[in-house]
Every structure is written in C-alpha cells, then in structure tokens.
Amino acid sequence: MSGNLMNYKEFSRSLETIVGITVTPFHKDTKEMDSDQVKQNAEFLINSGLKVIVPCGNTSEFYSLTIDEAKLEIKMVTEQVDGRAKVVAGVGYAVKTAIELGNFAKEVGADGIMIHMPIHPYITTEGAVQYFKKIITSVDLPAVVYFKDPNISDEVLLELSSMDKLVGIKYAINDLPRFAKTFNKIDVTNNNVAMICGTAEKWAPFFYQVGARGFTSGLVNLYPEKSFALLEALENNDNNTIWEIWNQIVAFEDLRAKYNSGNNVVVIKEAMELVGLNGGVTREPVAPLKEDDKVSLRDLINSWGLNYHKV
C-alpha cells in the first residue's frame, strides 16, 4: 500500500467519532456573520473534545452564505482549530464553485472537504456521479460525500467507493435496510471509506448496529457531554446507557425534525442562546422558532439541568 493510501485509511478511521457541524452566528439586526462568535464556537467544540469539525455544513446554513462568506468561515475555523482537530470544510453549489471552495480550503490548511449534494432539482444518478467525481478529482484533499437525496440511487456511492481520496460517506437517508445493503456492498477496509450516520444522535444507535461507526451532531454545539456519553456507550455496547441517553435527547431531535426538518438549525441556535452560547439568529429561508416550539425547547433545556437565561 502506498503512503497516500495509508494516509487516506488513517483519515477514514479518524472519522469514526462525533463529526461536529458548526453553526454560523449572525447579528440580530443586520444578519451579518459574527466573526468573533464563529471563532468562539470553534474553540468551544475543541475544548469539548471534538476531533472532527465541519464548517459550512447544513447546520452552518451553508446555502445562505455567499462564496466569500463561506471562504471566511472555513478560514476562521481552520485557523482557530490550529491543528487540534481535523477540519473538513463543506463545499457545494456549482461544480466549479465547489472546486474553488475546496482548493481554498486546502490553501488555508483544512484537512478535508465534505461535498454537499447538488441543489438543482433535476438530477440523475449518472449526473450525481459526475458531479462528485469531478470535485473529488479536482481537489487534493480527502473527501467525504454528503448523501441525502432518497431519490438518487446508492449506485452513486458504489461507483465512487473505489476512489482513493473518498474517505467517508455521510449517509443521511433514514432507511436502514437500504443502508445495510449499501454498506455490505462497499468493502470498507479495502476502500478506506468510513460510513457515517448523517442524521445525528437520534439515529446513531440504529446506524451503529448496521456498521456506521461515526455520527454527525448539531447537539454537540450546546450539550457535548451528552453526545460523547452516547458515543462511549455505543463503543462499549452498553445498551442500557445507549437507550437512557436516547430517551433524554429524542425530544430535542424530534423538535428539530418538525416541518420537514425546517426546525433543524433554528432549534440548535435557539438552544445555544438559552444556555448562554453564541447561536445568533437564522437567515432566510430559515424563520425564527415558533412560540410554542420555544416553550417546548425551554422546558427540555430545563429538564436537562443546563444553566440558561431567558432570551
């Protein structure tokens, strides 16, 4: 095995953990990015023990950012992390734009890229393969594919899995039999591809049973202790603790899943503000949290025993 392949394998194994997706704090009045708070949030994740951090993910409201803002966020997070964890920068939009963002991420010292699925409503399996392949081959960094469109065949992943630079698949379709079939077809050891549960703590125990050893998290931005407790319980096959933790956090994840996951980001941001962290407001098309959902969230945060203040 060549040195490069060995590095890709090591990178892949490093993804078998909590993959923390950052939020992007925006000022209340102007909705401009708050650079100081971006850095403070990255430091919070580092101090919490995160080993993989993803700026410009969907929880970061990636598609509300301009290209310059996305570059700034990648640069600030990478500089703040300063080698203490792996930074996997989210890239997307048009193919050329994704390549531009990926090459910029390499220039500023990021360790890898996570490629968002195309946002175009008309897409085929063959087109998705071409999209991912072109970006992976054009950026000299390990790549993670974010796979979340249930209408696109998993043949995309099988086609990509032999690429050396593909080190991970963030699988965000909550169809366990489908995932199991794909997982069994991909030779994880030889292809150096980490299969990651892309739908956070609520689904992590189920995906773990099928082979996904890492999971993404938004909760880690405000309650990292609970996320790490779940990871430890999964690794130790401690079923009593797994389901105890699951029952504690499932209402939070259900609240994020409301309105076809329209609440996904705003619940995280509102909760961060409640516990005194830097959530900030959301940008369009994500609306503020509805009042009844705010009440439910406050009650939940209170039940966890976290210190919080009224916002």
C-alpha atoms as a PDB file:
ATOM      1  CA  MET A   1       0.000   0.000   0.000  1.00  0.00           C
ATOM      2  CA  SER A   2       1.366   3.422  -0.895  1.00  0.00           C
ATOM      3  CA  GLY A   3       1.915   6.170   1.643  1.00  0.00           C
ATOM      4  CA  ASN A   4      -1.000   8.157   0.257  1.00  0.00           C
ATOM      5  CA  LEU A   5      -3.369   5.216   0.578  1.00  0.00           C
ATOM      6  CA  MET A   6      -2.204   4.651   4.133  1.00  0.00           C
ATOM      7  CA  ASN A   7      -2.899   8.313   4.923  1.00  0.00           C
ATOM      8  CA  TYR A   8      -6.368   8.055   3.456  1.00  0.00           C
ATOM      9  CA  LYS A   9      -7.031   4.958   5.558  1.00  0.00           C
ATOM     10  CA  GLU A  10      -5.882   6.759   8.695  1.00  0.00           C
ATOM     11  CA  PHE A  11      -8.066   9.724   7.815  1.00  0.00           C
ATOM     12  CA  SER A  12     -11.035   7.419   7.295  1.00  0.00           C
ATOM     13  CA  ARG A  13     -10.595   5.812  10.712  1.00  0.00           C
ATOM     14  CA  SER A  14     -10.399   9.259  12.321  1.00  0.00           C
ATOM     15  CA  LEU A  15     -13.982   9.913  11.168  1.00  0.00           C
ATOM     16  CA  GLU A  16     -15.334   7.097  13.356  1.00  0.00           C
ATOM     17  CA  THR A  17     -16.305   9.556  16.062  1.00  0.00           C
ATOM     18  CA  ILE A  18     -18.581  12.588  16.538  1.00  0.00           C
ATOM     19  CA  VAL A  19     -18.467  14.819  13.479  1.00  0.00           C
ATOM     20  CA  GLY A  20     -19.436  18.244  14.806  1.00  0.00           C
ATOM     21  CA  ILE A  21     -21.222  20.570  12.391  1.00  0.00           C
ATOM     22  CA  THR A  22     -20.735  24.228  13.295  1.00  0.00           C
ATOM     23  CA  VAL A  23     -23.404  26.906  13.385  1.00  0.00           C
ATOM     24  CA  THR A  24     -22.865  30.320  11.810  1.00  0.00           C
ATOM     25  CA  PRO A  25     -23.841  33.117  14.217  1.00  0.00           C
ATOM     26  CA  PHE A  26     -25.463  36.097  12.543  1.00  0.00           C
ATOM     27  CA  HIS A  27     -26.043  39.515  14.134  1.00  0.00           C
ATOM     28  CA  LYS A  28     -29.669  40.085  15.119  1.00  0.00           C
ATOM     29  CA  ASP A  29     -30.106  43.434  13.338  1.00  0.00           C
ATOM     30  CA  THR A  30     -28.009  43.035  10.184  1.00  0.00           C
ATOM     31  CA  LYS A  31     -27.809  39.237   9.845  1.00  0.00           C
ATOM     32  CA  GLU A  32     -24.126  39.670   9.016  1.00  0.00           C
ATOM     33  CA  MET A  33     -21.757  36.929  10.129  1.00  0.00           C
ATOM     34  CA  ASP A  34     -20.295  37.480  13.617  1.00  0.00           C
ATOM     35  CA  SER A  35     -16.640  36.550  13.107  1.00  0.00           C
ATOM     36  CA  ASP A  36     -15.726  36.654  16.789  1.00  0.00           C
ATOM     37  CA  GLN A  37     -18.528  34.262  17.663  1.00  0.00           C
ATOM     38  CA  VAL A  38     -17.569  31.892  14.828  1.00  0.00           C
ATOM     39  CA  LYS A  39     -14.138  31.603  16.453  1.00  0.00           C
ATOM     40  CA  GLN A  40     -15.562  31.272  19.966  1.00  0.00           C
ATOM     41  CA  ASN A  41     -17.862  28.449  18.843  1.00  0.00           C
ATOM     42  CA  ALA A  42     -14.949  26.601  17.223  1.00  0.00           C
ATOM     43  CA  GLU A  43     -12.991  26.945  20.458  1.00  0.00           C
ATOM     44  CA  PHE A  44     -15.953  25.597  22.430  1.00  0.00           C
ATOM     45  CA  LEU A  45     -16.002  22.490  20.226  1.00  0.00           C
ATOM     46  CA  ILE A  46     -12.250  21.991  20.620  1.00  0.00           C
ATOM     47  CA  ASN A  47     -12.430  22.415  24.392  1.00  0.00           C
ATOM     48  CA  SER A  48     -15.287  19.895  24.428  1.00  0.00           C
ATOM     49  CA  GLY A  49     -13.038  17.252  22.870  1.00  0.00           C
ATOM     50  CA  LEU A  50     -14.225  17.271  19.247  1.00  0.00           C
ATOM     51  CA  LYS A  51     -11.751  15.699  16.842  1.00  0.00           C
ATOM     52  CA  VAL A  52     -13.627  16.390  13.593  1.00  0.00           C
ATOM     53  CA  ILE A  53     -15.221  19.780  12.898  1.00  0.00           C
ATOM     54  CA  VAL A  54     -17.197  20.727   9.781  1.00  0.00           C
ATOM     55  CA  PRO A  55     -17.635  24.424   8.967  1.00  0.00           C
ATOM     56  CA  CYS A  56     -20.112  25.209   6.176  1.00  0.00           C
ATOM     57  CA  GLY A  57     -22.360  22.219   6.769  1.00  0.00           C
ATOM     58  CA  ASN A  58     -26.129  22.411   6.535  1.00  0.00           C
ATOM     59  CA  THR A  59     -26.346  23.272  10.245  1.00  0.00           C
ATOM     60  CA  SER A  60     -23.988  26.126   9.359  1.00  0.00           C
ATOM     61  CA  GLU A  61     -26.707  27.443   6.985  1.00  0.00           C
ATOM     62  CA  PHE A  62     -24.234  26.865   4.150  1.00  0.00           C
ATOM     63  CA  TYR A  63     -26.638  27.772   1.361  1.00  0.00           C
ATOM     64  CA  SER A  64     -27.379  31.147   2.923  1.00  0.00           C
ATOM     65  CA  LEU A  65     -23.705  32.128   2.728  1.00  0.00           C
ATOM     66  CA  THR A  66     -22.079  33.989  -0.128  1.00  0.00           C
ATOM     67  CA  ILE A  67     -18.945  32.419  -1.594  1.00  0.00           C
ATOM     68  CA  ASP A  68     -16.799  34.997   0.218  1.00  0.00           C
ATOM     69  CA  GLU A  69     -18.580  34.280   3.500  1.00  0.00           C
ATOM     70  CA  ALA A  70     -18.108  30.524   3.078  1.00  0.00           C
ATOM     71  CA  LYS A  71     -14.411  31.078   2.462  1.00  0.00           C
ATOM     72  CA  LEU A  72     -14.165  33.327   5.505  1.00  0.00           C
ATOM     73  CA  GLU A  73     -15.868  30.770   7.732  1.00  0.00           C
ATOM     74  CA  ILE A  74     -13.597  27.959   6.503  1.00  0.00           C
ATOM     75  CA  LYS A  75     -10.535  30.144   7.070  1.00  0.00           C
ATOM     76  CA  MET A  76     -11.554  31.328  10.542  1.00  0.00           C
ATOM     77  CA  VAL A  77     -12.477  27.873  11.799  1.00  0.00           C
ATOM     78  CA  THR A  78      -9.317  26.299  10.385  1.00  0.00           C
ATOM     79  CA  GLU A  79      -7.129  28.968  11.961  1.00  0.00           C
ATOM     80  CA  GLN A  80      -8.917  28.721  15.305  1.00  0.00           C
ATOM     81  CA  VAL A  81      -8.659  24.920  15.384  1.00  0.00           C
ATOM     82  CA  ASP A  82      -4.948  25.234  14.555  1.00  0.00           C
ATOM     83  CA  GLY A  83      -4.321  21.524  14.075  1.00  0.00           C
ATOM     84  CA  ARG A  84      -6.036  20.429  17.296  1.00  0.00           C
ATOM     85  CA  ALA A  85      -8.728  18.572  15.321  1.00  0.00           C
ATOM     86  CA  LYS A  86      -9.442  17.727  11.713  1.00  0.00           C
ATOM     87  CA  VAL A  87     -11.314  20.428   9.796  1.00  0.00           C
ATOM     88  CA  VAL A  88     -13.490  19.064   6.980  1.00  0.00           C
ATOM     89  CA  ALA A  89     -14.807  22.047   5.040  1.00  0.00           C
ATOM     90  CA  GLY A  90     -18.248  21.919   3.450  1.00  0.00           C
ATOM     91  CA  VAL A  91     -18.228  22.715  -0.276  1.00  0.00           C
ATOM     92  CA  GLY A  92     -21.004  22.800  -2.849  1.00  0.00           C
ATOM     93  CA  TYR A  93     -23.084  24.988  -5.185  1.00  0.00           C
ATOM     94  CA  ALA A  94     -21.973  24.625  -8.840  1.00  0.00           C
ATOM     95  CA  VAL A  95     -19.156  22.192  -9.625  1.00  0.00           C
ATOM     96  CA  LYS A  96     -16.654  24.969 -10.382  1.00  0.00           C
ATOM     97  CA  THR A  97     -17.645  26.785  -7.201  1.00  0.00           C
ATOM     98  CA  ALA A  98     -17.267  23.634  -5.112  1.00  0.00           C
ATOM     99  CA  ILE A  99     -13.811  23.090  -6.595  1.00  0.00           C
ATOM    100  CA  GLU A 100     -12.918  26.719  -5.886  1.00  0.00           C
ATOM    101  CA  LEU A 101     -14.034  26.349  -2.267  1.00  0.00           C
ATOM    102  CA  GLY A 102     -12.215  23.032  -1.919  1.00  0.00           C
ATOM    103  CA  ASN A 103      -8.937  24.401  -3.245  1.00  0.00           C
ATOM    104  CA  PHE A 104      -9.318  27.436  -0.997  1.00  0.00           C
ATOM    105  CA  ALA A 105      -9.851  25.096   1.979  1.00  0.00           C
ATOM    106  CA  LYS A 106      -6.565  23.369   1.125  1.00  0.00           C
ATOM    107  CA  GLU A 107      -4.761  26.718   0.837  1.00  0.00           C
ATOM    108  CA  VAL A 108      -5.825  27.805   4.321  1.00  0.00           C
ATOM    109  CA  GLY A 109      -4.947  24.469   5.909  1.00  0.00           C
ATOM    110  CA  ALA A 110      -8.185  22.475   6.138  1.00  0.00           C
ATOM    111  CA  ASP A 111      -7.719  18.721   6.318  1.00  0.00           C
ATOM    112  CA  GLY A 112     -10.528  17.571   4.031  1.00  0.00           C
ATOM    113  CA  ILE A 113     -13.742  18.525   2.296  1.00  0.00           C
ATOM    114  CA  MET A 114     -17.361  17.442   2.672  1.00  0.00           C
ATOM    115  CA  ILE A 115     -19.226  17.682  -0.629  1.00  0.00           C
ATOM    116  CA  HIS A 116     -22.870  18.727  -0.378  1.00  0.00           C
ATOM    117  CA  MET A 117     -25.331  17.108  -2.757  1.00  0.00           C
ATOM    118  CA  PRO A 118     -26.284  19.244  -5.777  1.00  0.00           C
ATOM    119  CA  ILE A 119     -29.116  21.645  -5.031  1.00  0.00           C
ATOM    120  CA  HIS A 120     -30.500  21.502  -8.562  1.00  0.00           C
ATOM    121  CA  PRO A 121     -33.980  19.897  -8.537  1.00  0.00           C
ATOM    122  CA  TYR A 122     -33.310  17.920 -11.724  1.00  0.00           C
ATOM    123  CA  ILE A 123     -30.663  15.315 -11.085  1.00  0.00           C
ATOM    124  CA  THR A 124     -29.949  11.764 -12.185  1.00  0.00           C
ATOM    125  CA  THR A 125     -27.799   9.048 -10.676  1.00  0.00           C
ATOM    126  CA  GLU A 126     -25.314   9.366 -13.516  1.00  0.00           C
ATOM    127  CA  GLY A 127     -25.233  13.142 -13.126  1.00  0.00           C
ATOM    128  CA  ALA A 128     -24.585  12.850  -9.389  1.00  0.00           C
ATOM    129  CA  VAL A 129     -21.649  10.505 -10.050  1.00  0.00           C
ATOM    130  CA  GLN A 130     -20.161  13.015 -12.467  1.00  0.00           C
ATOM    131  CA  TYR A 131     -20.680  15.866 -10.007  1.00  0.00           C
ATOM    132  CA  PHE A 132     -18.958  14.137  -7.097  1.00  0.00           C
ATOM    133  CA  LYS A 133     -16.169  12.633  -9.212  1.00  0.00           C
ATOM    134  CA  LYS A 134     -15.220  15.935 -10.790  1.00  0.00           C
ATOM    135  CA  ILE A 135     -14.975  17.666  -7.407  1.00  0.00           C
ATOM    136  CA  ILE A 136     -13.069  14.804  -5.756  1.00  0.00           C
ATOM    137  CA  THR A 137     -10.530  14.574  -8.561  1.00  0.00           C
ATOM    138  CA  SER A 138     -10.046  18.362  -8.725  1.00  0.00           C
ATOM    139  CA  VAL A 139      -9.306  18.987  -5.034  1.00  0.00           C
ATOM    140  CA  ASP A 140      -6.185  17.491  -3.486  1.00  0.00           C
ATOM    141  CA  LEU A 141      -7.768  16.687  -0.135  1.00  0.00           C
ATOM    142  CA  PRO A 142      -9.555  13.661   1.365  1.00  0.00           C
ATOM    143  CA  ALA A 143     -13.268  13.911   0.580  1.00  0.00           C
ATOM    144  CA  VAL A 144     -16.494  12.997   2.355  1.00  0.00           C
ATOM    145  CA  VAL A 145     -19.675  12.705   0.283  1.00  0.00           C
ATOM    146  CA  TYR A 146     -22.850  14.006   1.906  1.00  0.00           C
ATOM    147  CA  PHE A 147     -25.601  11.709   0.583  1.00  0.00           C
ATOM    148  CA  LYS A 148     -29.156  12.710   1.472  1.00  0.00           C
ATOM    149  CA  ASP A 149     -31.457  12.530  -1.564  1.00  0.00           C
ATOM    150  CA  PRO A 150     -33.552   9.329  -1.321  1.00  0.00           C
ATOM    151  CA  ASN A 151     -34.477   9.636  -4.989  1.00  0.00           C
ATOM    152  CA  ILE A 152     -30.882   9.102  -6.099  1.00  0.00           C
ATOM    153  CA  SER A 153     -29.648   5.505  -6.264  1.00  0.00           C
ATOM    154  CA  ASP A 154     -26.971   4.277  -3.856  1.00  0.00           C
ATOM    155  CA  GLU A 155     -25.173   3.130  -7.010  1.00  0.00           C
ATOM    156  CA  VAL A 156     -23.615   6.602  -6.800  1.00  0.00           C
ATOM    157  CA  LEU A 157     -21.775   5.523  -3.661  1.00  0.00           C
ATOM    158  CA  LEU A 158     -20.734   2.183  -5.087  1.00  0.00           C
ATOM    159  CA  GLU A 159     -19.334   3.943  -8.142  1.00  0.00           C
ATOM    160  CA  LEU A 160     -17.372   6.404  -6.012  1.00  0.00           C
ATOM    161  CA  SER A 161     -16.176   3.977  -3.343  1.00  0.00           C
ATOM    162  CA  SER A 162     -13.095   2.839  -5.279  1.00  0.00           C
ATOM    163  CA  MET A 163     -11.689   6.388  -5.424  1.00  0.00           C
ATOM    164  CA  ASP A 164      -8.630   6.703  -3.194  1.00  0.00           C
ATOM    165  CA  LYS A 165      -9.486  10.197  -1.976  1.00  0.00           C
ATOM    166  CA  LEU A 166     -13.015   9.249  -0.879  1.00  0.00           C
ATOM    167  CA  VAL A 167     -12.576   8.654   2.857  1.00  0.00           C
ATOM    168  CA  GLY A 168     -16.146   8.919   4.115  1.00  0.00           C
ATOM    169  CA  ILE A 169     -19.842   8.866   3.301  1.00  0.00           C
ATOM    170  CA  LYS A 170     -22.204  10.928   5.397  1.00  0.00           C
ATOM    171  CA  TYR A 171     -25.343   8.866   4.887  1.00  0.00           C
ATOM    172  CA  ALA A 172     -28.419  10.947   5.709  1.00  0.00           C
ATOM    173  CA  ILE A 173     -31.269   8.768   4.447  1.00  0.00           C
ATOM    174  CA  ASN A 174     -33.084   7.105   7.343  1.00  0.00           C
ATOM    175  CA  ASP A 175     -33.673   3.794   5.590  1.00  0.00           C
ATOM    176  CA  LEU A 176     -31.735   1.148   7.496  1.00  0.00           C
ATOM    177  CA  PRO A 177     -32.315  -1.800   5.127  1.00  0.00           C
ATOM    178  CA  ARG A 178     -31.172   0.392   2.248  1.00  0.00           C
ATOM    179  CA  PHE A 179     -28.113   1.497   4.178  1.00  0.00           C
ATOM    180  CA  ALA A 180     -27.300  -2.086   5.183  1.00  0.00           C
ATOM    181  CA  LYS A 181     -27.370  -3.272   1.574  1.00  0.00           C
ATOM    182  CA  THR A 182     -25.046  -0.479   0.506  1.00  0.00           C
ATOM    183  CA  PHE A 183     -22.746  -0.939   3.481  1.00  0.00           C
ATOM    184  CA  ASN A 184     -22.384  -4.641   2.730  1.00  0.00           C
ATOM    185  CA  LYS A 185     -21.540  -3.936  -0.914  1.00  0.00           C
ATOM    186  CA  ILE A 186     -18.791  -1.459  -0.099  1.00  0.00           C
ATOM    187  CA  ASP A 187     -15.608  -3.107   1.092  1.00  0.00           C
ATOM    188  CA  VAL A 188     -14.906  -0.614   3.867  1.00  0.00           C
ATOM    189  CA  THR A 189     -11.461  -1.966   4.753  1.00  0.00           C
ATOM    190  CA  ASN A 190     -10.038  -2.048   1.229  1.00  0.00           C
ATOM    191  CA  ASN A 191     -11.701   1.143   0.045  1.00  0.00           C
ATOM    192  CA  ASN A 192     -10.921   3.140   3.187  1.00  0.00           C
ATOM    193  CA  VAL A 193     -14.429   4.579   3.353  1.00  0.00           C
ATOM    194  CA  ALA A 194     -15.909   5.450   6.746  1.00  0.00           C
ATOM    195  CA  MET A 195     -19.692   5.130   6.818  1.00  0.00           C
ATOM    196  CA  ILE A 196     -21.100   7.925   8.973  1.00  0.00           C
ATOM    197  CA  CYS A 197     -24.635   8.298  10.296  1.00  0.00           C
ATOM    198  CA  GLY A 198     -25.602  11.686   8.883  1.00  0.00           C
ATOM    199  CA  THR A 199     -28.759  12.216  10.920  1.00  0.00           C
ATOM    200  CA  ALA A 200     -27.313  12.766  14.372  1.00  0.00           C
ATOM    201  CA  GLU A 201     -27.870  11.221  17.791  1.00  0.00           C
ATOM    202  CA  LYS A 202     -31.474  10.169  17.229  1.00  0.00           C
ATOM    203  CA  TRP A 203     -30.466   7.713  14.509  1.00  0.00           C
ATOM    204  CA  ALA A 204     -26.903   6.925  15.601  1.00  0.00           C
ATOM    205  CA  PRO A 205     -27.746   3.781  17.646  1.00  0.00           C
ATOM    206  CA  PHE A 206     -29.644   2.259  14.738  1.00  0.00           C
ATOM    207  CA  PHE A 207     -26.985   3.035  12.133  1.00  0.00           C
ATOM    208  CA  TYR A 208     -24.268   1.839  14.509  1.00  0.00           C
ATOM    209  CA  GLN A 209     -25.812  -1.617  14.523  1.00  0.00           C
ATOM    210  CA  VAL A 210     -25.537  -1.742  10.742  1.00  0.00           C
ATOM    211  CA  GLY A 211     -21.923  -0.562  10.632  1.00  0.00           C
ATOM    212  CA  ALA A 212     -21.804   3.262  10.818  1.00  0.00           C
ATOM    213  CA  ARG A 213     -19.158   3.985  13.441  1.00  0.00           C
ATOM    214  CA  GLY A 214     -19.322   7.756  13.350  1.00  0.00           C
ATOM    215  CA  PHE A 215     -22.242  10.185  13.563  1.00  0.00           C
ATOM    216  CA  THR A 216     -22.787  13.849  12.833  1.00  0.00           C
ATOM    217  CA  SER A 217     -24.082  16.144  15.541  1.00  0.00           C
ATOM    218  CA  GLY A 218     -25.616  19.577  15.967  1.00  0.00           C
ATOM    219  CA  LEU A 219     -26.376  18.900  19.641  1.00  0.00           C
ATOM    220  CA  VAL A 220     -22.639  18.922  20.328  1.00  0.00           C
ATOM    221  CA  ASN A 221     -22.707  22.714  19.878  1.00  0.00           C
ATOM    222  CA  LEU A 222     -24.527  23.059  23.190  1.00  0.00           C
ATOM    223  CA  TYR A 223     -24.508  19.718  25.052  1.00  0.00           C
ATOM    224  CA  PRO A 224     -21.294  17.899  24.069  1.00  0.00           C
ATOM    225  CA  GLU A 225     -21.264  15.849  27.251  1.00  0.00           C
ATOM    226  CA  LYS A 226     -24.399  14.019  26.152  1.00  0.00           C
ATOM    227  CA  SER A 227     -23.073  13.403  22.639  1.00  0.00           C
ATOM    228  CA  PHE A 228     -19.826  11.942  23.969  1.00  0.00           C
ATOM    229  CA  ALA A 229     -21.690   9.821  26.502  1.00  0.00           C
ATOM    230  CA  LEU A 230     -23.668   8.297  23.644  1.00  0.00           C
ATOM    231  CA  LEU A 231     -20.517   7.649  21.610  1.00  0.00           C
ATOM    232  CA  GLU A 232     -18.869   5.931  24.559  1.00  0.00           C
ATOM    233  CA  ALA A 233     -21.933   3.789  25.224  1.00  0.00           C
ATOM    234  CA  LEU A 234     -22.084   2.733  21.579  1.00  0.00           C
ATOM    235  CA  GLU A 235     -18.399   1.831  21.538  1.00  0.00           C
ATOM    236  CA  ASN A 236     -18.805  -0.194  24.740  1.00  0.00           C
ATOM    237  CA  ASN A 237     -22.030  -1.862  23.588  1.00  0.00           C
ATOM    238  CA  ASP A 238     -23.678  -0.546  26.764  1.00  0.00           C
ATOM    239  CA  ASN A 239     -27.303  -0.888  25.705  1.00  0.00           C
ATOM    240  CA  ASN A 240     -28.817   0.357  28.960  1.00  0.00           C
ATOM    241  CA  THR A 241     -26.890   3.631  28.718  1.00  0.00           C
ATOM    242  CA  ILE A 242     -27.483   3.963  24.973  1.00  0.00           C
ATOM    243  CA  TRP A 243     -31.241   3.954  25.351  1.00  0.00           C
ATOM    244  CA  GLU A 244     -31.204   6.024  28.528  1.00  0.00           C
ATOM    245  CA  ILE A 245     -29.367   8.776  26.644  1.00  0.00           C
ATOM    246  CA  TRP A 246     -31.525   8.294  23.557  1.00  0.00           C
ATOM    247  CA  ASN A 247     -34.670   8.869  25.604  1.00  0.00           C
ATOM    248  CA  GLN A 248     -33.154  12.049  27.020  1.00  0.00           C
ATOM    249  CA  ILE A 249     -32.341  13.614  23.660  1.00  0.00           C
ATOM    250  CA  VAL A 250     -35.009  12.238  21.301  1.00  0.00           C
ATOM    251  CA  ALA A 251     -37.493  15.030  22.060  1.00  0.00           C
ATOM    252  CA  PHE A 252     -34.835  17.566  21.082  1.00  0.00           C
ATOM    253  CA  GLU A 253     -34.168  15.806  17.791  1.00  0.00           C
ATOM    254  CA  ASP A 254     -37.906  15.420  17.151  1.00  0.00           C
ATOM    255  CA  LEU A 255     -38.274  19.180  17.604  1.00  0.00           C
ATOM    256  CA  ARG A 256     -35.516  19.722  15.041  1.00  0.00           C
ATOM    257  CA  ALA A 257     -37.320  17.368  12.639  1.00  0.00           C
ATOM    258  CA  LYS A 258     -40.613  19.317  12.676  1.00  0.00           C
ATOM    259  CA  TYR A 259     -41.903  20.924   9.461  1.00  0.00           C
ATOM    260  CA  ASN A 260     -39.945  18.503   7.271  1.00  0.00           C
ATOM    261  CA  SER A 261     -36.783  19.376   9.255  1.00  0.00           C
ATOM    262  CA  GLY A 262     -37.411  23.098   8.812  1.00  0.00           C
ATOM    263  CA  ASN A 263     -36.585  23.464  12.517  1.00  0.00           C
ATOM    264  CA  ASN A 264     -33.229  21.705  12.137  1.00  0.00           C
ATOM    265  CA  VAL A 265     -30.988  24.748  12.507  1.00  0.00           C
ATOM    266  CA  VAL A 266     -33.151  27.189  14.424  1.00  0.00           C
ATOM    267  CA  VAL A 267     -33.642  24.779  17.342  1.00  0.00           C
ATOM    268  CA  ILE A 268     -29.869  24.454  17.715  1.00  0.00           C
ATOM    269  CA  LYS A 269     -29.386  28.212  17.583  1.00  0.00           C
ATOM    270  CA  GLU A 270     -32.225  28.959  19.998  1.00  0.00           C
ATOM    271  CA  ALA A 271     -30.935  26.329  22.425  1.00  0.00           C
ATOM    272  CA  MET A 272     -27.425  27.762  22.283  1.00  0.00           C
ATOM    273  CA  GLU A 273     -28.788  31.184  23.146  1.00  0.00           C
ATOM    274  CA  LEU A 274     -30.766  29.703  26.036  1.00  0.00           C
ATOM    275  CA  VAL A 275     -27.627  28.262  27.624  1.00  0.00           C
ATOM    276  CA  GLY A 276     -25.592  31.416  27.055  1.00  0.00           C
ATOM    277  CA  LEU A 277     -23.662  30.351  23.937  1.00  0.00           C
ATOM    278  CA  ASN A 278     -23.338  32.009  20.528  1.00  0.00           C
ATOM    279  CA  GLY A 279     -26.210  30.861  18.376  1.00  0.00           C
ATOM    280  CA  GLY A 280     -27.324  34.105  16.838  1.00  0.00           C
ATOM    281  CA  VAL A 281     -30.326  34.426  14.563  1.00  0.00           C
ATOM    282  CA  THR A 282     -31.037  32.490  11.380  1.00  0.00           C
ATOM    283  CA  ARG A 283     -31.089  33.774   7.825  1.00  0.00           C
ATOM    284  CA  GLU A 284     -33.805  33.291   5.267  1.00  0.00           C
ATOM    285  CA  PRO A 285     -35.192  30.828   4.325  1.00  0.00           C
ATOM    286  CA  VAL A 286     -34.999  29.644   7.958  1.00  0.00           C
ATOM    287  CA  ALA A 287     -37.601  31.513  10.022  1.00  0.00           C
ATOM    288  CA  PRO A 288     -37.431  32.218  13.769  1.00  0.00           C
ATOM    289  CA  LEU A 289     -38.665  29.461  16.056  1.00  0.00           C
ATOM    290  CA  LYS A 290     -42.412  29.459  16.666  1.00  0.00           C
ATOM    291  CA  GLU A 291     -43.525  30.424  20.149  1.00  0.00           C
ATOM    292  CA  ASP A 292     -44.954  27.020  21.094  1.00  0.00           C
ATOM    293  CA  ASP A 293     -41.722  25.365  19.978  1.00  0.00           C
ATOM    294  CA  LYS A 294     -39.765  27.874  22.071  1.00  0.00           C
ATOM    295  CA  VAL A 295     -41.763  26.826  25.122  1.00  0.00           C
ATOM    296  CA  SER A 296     -41.100  23.152  24.432  1.00  0.00           C
ATOM    297  CA  LEU A 297     -37.405  23.835  23.971  1.00  0.00           C
ATOM    298  CA  ARG A 298     -37.113  25.842  27.191  1.00  0.00           C
ATOM    299  CA  ASP A 299     -38.835  23.057  29.108  1.00  0.00           C
ATOM    300  CA  LEU A 300     -36.484  20.489  27.616  1.00  0.00           C
ATOM    301  CA  ILE A 301     -33.341  22.514  28.360  1.00  0.00           C
ATOM    302  CA  ASN A 302     -34.591  22.980  31.920  1.00  0.00           C
ATOM    303  CA  SER A 303     -35.189  19.233  32.290  1.00  0.00           C
ATOM    304  CA  TRP A 304     -31.570  18.601  31.284  1.00  0.00           C
ATOM    305  CA  GLY A 305     -30.430  20.812  34.154  1.00  0.00           C
ATOM    306  CA  LEU A 306     -28.397  23.113  31.928  1.00  0.00           C
ATOM    307  CA  ASN A 307     -27.932  26.695  33.091  1.00  0.00           C
ATOM    308  CA  TYR A 308     -29.773  29.044  30.826  1.00  0.00           C
ATOM    309  CA  HIS A 309     -31.159  32.555  30.668  1.00  0.00           C
ATOM    310  CA  LYS A 310     -34.312  33.833  29.052  1.00  0.00           C
ATOM    311  CA  VAL A 311     -33.922  35.286  25.568  1.00  0.00           C
END
